[in-house]
Amino acid sequence: MYREDLMTIEDLAKYLKVKKRTIYDWLKKGKVPAFKIVGQWRFRRTKIDTWLDSDISH
């Protein structure tokens, strides 16, 4: 895992061009691949890209 591959909620919202509230909703529903480090959500860019690719194809 590389640090530059990790994103915060704010980073992911900018990356996907959605509001932070949307990210929180996705987290609550288990829709987006994520994990917590010391109580803070983190997202791997590679996992997000894979998730996007698989979500679009379905």
Protein backbone atom coordinates (compact mmCIF):
# COMPACT_ATOMS: atom_id res chain seq x y z
CA MET A 1 0.00 0.00 0.00
CA TYR A 2 1.37 3.39 -0.95
CA ARG A 3 0.46 6.60 0.80
CA GLU A 4 -0.22 8.41 -2.46
CA ASP A 5 -2.76 5.71 -3.23
CA LEU A 6 -4.73 6.52 -0.05
CA MET A 7 -7.50 9.09 -0.14
CA THR A 8 -9.58 10.78 2.54
CA ILE A 9 -13.30 11.40 2.22
CA GLU A 10 -12.50 14.90 0.96
CA ASP A 11 -10.04 13.52 -1.61
CA LEU A 12 -12.54 10.95 -2.84
CA ALA A 13 -15.34 13.50 -3.12
CA LYS A 14 -13.11 15.69 -5.30
CA TYR A 15 -11.90 12.69 -7.31
CA LEU A 16 -15.45 11.55 -8.07
CA LYS A 17 -16.89 15.08 -8.23
CA VAL A 18 -19.58 14.36 -5.65
CA LYS A 19 -20.43 15.87 -2.28
CA LYS A 20 -18.93 14.45 0.91
CA ARG A 21 -22.47 13.61 2.03
CA THR A 22 -22.75 11.23 -0.94
CA ILE A 23 -19.58 9.42 0.18
CA TYR A 24 -20.98 9.09 3.71
CA ASP A 25 -24.23 7.68 2.31
CA TRP A 26 -22.29 5.14 0.23
CA LEU A 27 -20.25 4.15 3.30
CA LYS A 28 -23.41 3.65 5.35
CA LYS A 29 -24.83 1.38 2.63
CA GLY A 30 -21.53 -0.47 2.09
CA LYS A 31 -21.40 0.57 -1.55
CA VAL A 32 -17.85 1.90 -1.72
CA PRO A 33 -14.63 -0.01 -0.88
CA ALA A 34 -13.13 1.57 2.23
CA PHE A 35 -11.40 0.89 5.51
CA LYS A 36 -10.72 2.77 8.72
CA ILE A 37 -7.38 3.84 10.14
CA VAL A 38 -7.57 5.18 13.70
CA GLY A 39 -11.28 5.84 13.25
CA GLN A 40 -10.92 7.70 9.94
CA TRP A 41 -12.13 6.41 6.59
CA ARG A 42 -9.55 5.81 3.87
CA PHE A 43 -9.90 4.71 0.27
CA ARG A 44 -7.34 3.14 -2.04
CA ARG A 45 -7.39 4.84 -5.42
CA THR A 46 -6.74 1.52 -7.18
CA LYS A 47 -9.73 -0.09 -5.42
CA ILE A 48 -11.93 2.89 -6.26
CA ASP A 49 -10.92 2.70 -9.93
CA THR A 50 -11.67 -1.04 -10.01
CA TRP A 51 -15.01 -0.43 -8.25
CA LEU A 52 -15.90 2.24 -10.79
CA ASP A 53 -14.99 0.00 -13.72
CA SER A 54 -17.03 -2.92 -12.39
CA ASP A 55 -19.98 -0.70 -11.43
CA ILE A 56 -20.15 0.85 -14.90
CA SER A 57 -20.08 -2.52 -16.65
CA HIS A 58 -23.09 -3.82 -14.66
